[in-house]
Protein backbone atom coordinates (compact mmCIF):
# COMPACT_ATOMS: atom_id res chain seq x y z
CA UNK A 1 166.76 247.32 73.88
CA UNK A 2 167.75 248.47 70.41
CA UNK A 3 165.53 251.52 70.37
CA UNK A 4 166.44 252.79 73.83
CA UNK A 5 169.77 254.51 74.31
CA UNK A 6 172.89 255.16 72.35
CA UNK A 7 174.91 252.65 70.31
CA UNK A 8 177.78 253.04 72.78
CA UNK A 9 175.56 252.02 75.66
CA UNK A 10 174.25 249.08 73.63
CA UNK A 11 177.80 248.00 72.76
CA UNK A 12 178.78 248.19 76.41
CA UNK A 13 175.77 246.07 77.29
CA UNK A 14 176.78 243.47 74.68
CA UNK A 15 180.33 243.27 76.06
CA UNK A 16 179.05 242.90 79.63
CA UNK A 17 176.69 240.13 78.53
CA UNK A 18 179.50 238.36 76.65
CA UNK A 19 181.81 238.63 79.67
CA UNK A 20 179.13 237.18 81.94
CA UNK A 21 178.57 234.23 79.60
CA UNK A 22 182.31 233.58 79.35
CA UNK A 23 182.68 233.78 83.14
CA UNK A 24 179.80 231.36 83.65
CA UNK A 25 181.11 228.89 81.10
CA UNK A 26 184.92 229.05 81.54
CA UNK A 27 185.54 230.88 84.80
CA UNK A 28 186.80 234.31 85.73
CA UNK A 29 190.45 233.59 84.81
CA UNK A 30 189.51 233.42 81.13
CA UNK A 31 187.69 236.75 81.35
CA UNK A 32 190.69 238.37 83.04
CA UNK A 33 193.06 237.01 80.39
CA UNK A 34 190.82 238.18 77.55
CA UNK A 35 190.58 241.64 79.10
CA UNK A 36 194.37 241.88 79.44
CA UNK A 37 194.91 240.73 75.84
CA UNK A 38 192.32 243.11 74.41
CA UNK A 39 193.67 246.06 76.41
CA UNK A 40 197.23 245.36 75.21
CA UNK A 41 196.04 245.31 71.60
CA UNK A 42 194.08 248.53 72.05
CA UNK A 43 197.14 250.23 73.56
CA UNK A 44 199.34 248.95 70.71
CA UNK A 45 196.86 250.19 68.10
CA UNK A 46 196.65 253.61 69.76
CA UNK A 47 200.45 253.86 69.91
CA UNK A 48 200.78 252.89 66.25
CA UNK A 49 198.18 255.46 65.26
CA UNK A 50 200.03 258.17 67.20
CA UNK A 51 203.33 257.25 65.53
CA UNK A 52 201.74 257.32 62.08
CA UNK A 53 200.11 260.68 62.76
CA UNK A 54 203.43 262.17 63.88
CA UNK A 55 205.23 260.64 60.92
CA UNK A 56 202.70 262.13 58.53
CA UNK A 57 203.27 265.56 60.05
CA UNK A 58 207.05 265.26 59.73
CA UNK A 59 206.84 264.04 56.15
CA UNK A 60 204.67 267.02 55.25
CA UNK A 61 207.20 269.46 56.75
CA UNK A 62 210.06 267.68 54.95
CA UNK A 63 208.25 267.93 51.60
CA UNK A 64 207.56 271.63 52.16
CA UNK A 65 211.24 272.25 52.92
CA UNK A 66 212.28 270.26 49.86
CA UNK A 67 209.94 272.30 47.65
CA UNK A 68 211.19 275.58 49.12
CA UNK A 69 214.79 274.53 48.51
CA UNK A 70 214.02 273.57 44.90
CA UNK A 71 212.29 276.93 44.34
CA UNK A 72 215.28 278.76 45.80
CA UNK A 73 217.86 276.84 43.75
CA UNK A 74 216.21 277.10 40.33
CA UNK A 75 215.44 280.39 38.60
CA UNK A 76 211.84 281.15 37.72
CA UNK A 77 210.63 282.71 34.47
CA UNK A 78 211.01 286.30 35.65
CA UNK A 79 214.58 285.75 36.83
CA UNK A 80 215.43 284.17 33.48
CA UNK A 81 213.83 287.07 31.60
CA UNK A 82 215.74 289.62 33.70
CA UNK A 83 219.09 287.98 32.95
CA UNK A 84 218.28 287.95 29.20
CA UNK A 85 216.88 291.50 28.99
CA UNK A 86 218.79 294.60 27.93
CA UNK A 87 219.46 295.39 31.60
CA UNK A 88 220.52 291.85 32.53
CA UNK A 89 223.97 290.36 32.91
CA UNK A 90 223.58 287.73 30.19
CA UNK A 91 224.33 285.01 32.71
CA UNK A 92 221.93 282.58 34.34
CA UNK A 93 222.48 280.46 37.42
CA UNK A 94 221.25 276.89 37.55
CA UNK A 95 221.01 275.36 41.03
CA UNK A 96 222.90 278.41 42.40
CA UNK A 97 226.15 276.62 41.62
CA UNK A 98 227.50 277.73 38.26
CA UNK A 99 226.69 280.62 35.97
CA UNK A 100 226.38 280.07 32.26
CA UNK A 101 225.98 282.52 29.41
CA UNK A 102 222.56 282.99 27.85
CA UNK A 103 221.59 284.83 24.69
CA UNK A 104 220.25 288.33 25.32
CA UNK A 105 217.23 289.69 23.49
CA UNK A 106 218.28 291.58 20.36
CA UNK A 107 214.85 292.83 19.34
CA UNK A 108 212.95 295.10 21.80
CA UNK A 109 209.59 293.79 20.57
CA UNK A 110 210.70 290.21 21.32
CA UNK A 111 211.79 291.31 24.79
CA UNK A 112 208.42 292.98 25.43
CA UNK A 113 206.54 289.96 24.13
CA UNK A 114 208.54 287.60 26.37
CA UNK A 115 207.94 289.91 29.36
CA UNK A 116 204.20 289.72 28.74
CA UNK A 117 204.39 285.92 28.54
CA UNK A 118 206.38 285.77 31.79
CA UNK A 119 203.86 287.96 33.61
CA UNK A 120 201.00 285.77 32.41
CA UNK A 121 202.90 282.64 33.51
CA UNK A 122 203.46 284.08 36.99
CA UNK A 123 199.77 284.78 37.46
């Protein structure tokens, strides 16, 4: 029996054999009660799995939105460099709430060096 057929068919055969033995020993009421109990547990497990799968999806979307919001609220390296450059305003915004003054570059070579570092950091 083990070499002929699929494992699913073999498992089904085992369950049928177990049900027959239970029915012979304890009667059909026991088999019916076992079937109802097992089916309720299978339904509960399937429902819990569905809830967990949906929850995982929602948590992923929430984390993506949180990351996008954090990226929008905080300036990146290029934005900071632009505000400090010769063409910048000399003000930087943290969390898009309040501006504060930042020191501008006084030496053009320092500004060029920092621009190169920012471009490398963005790659």
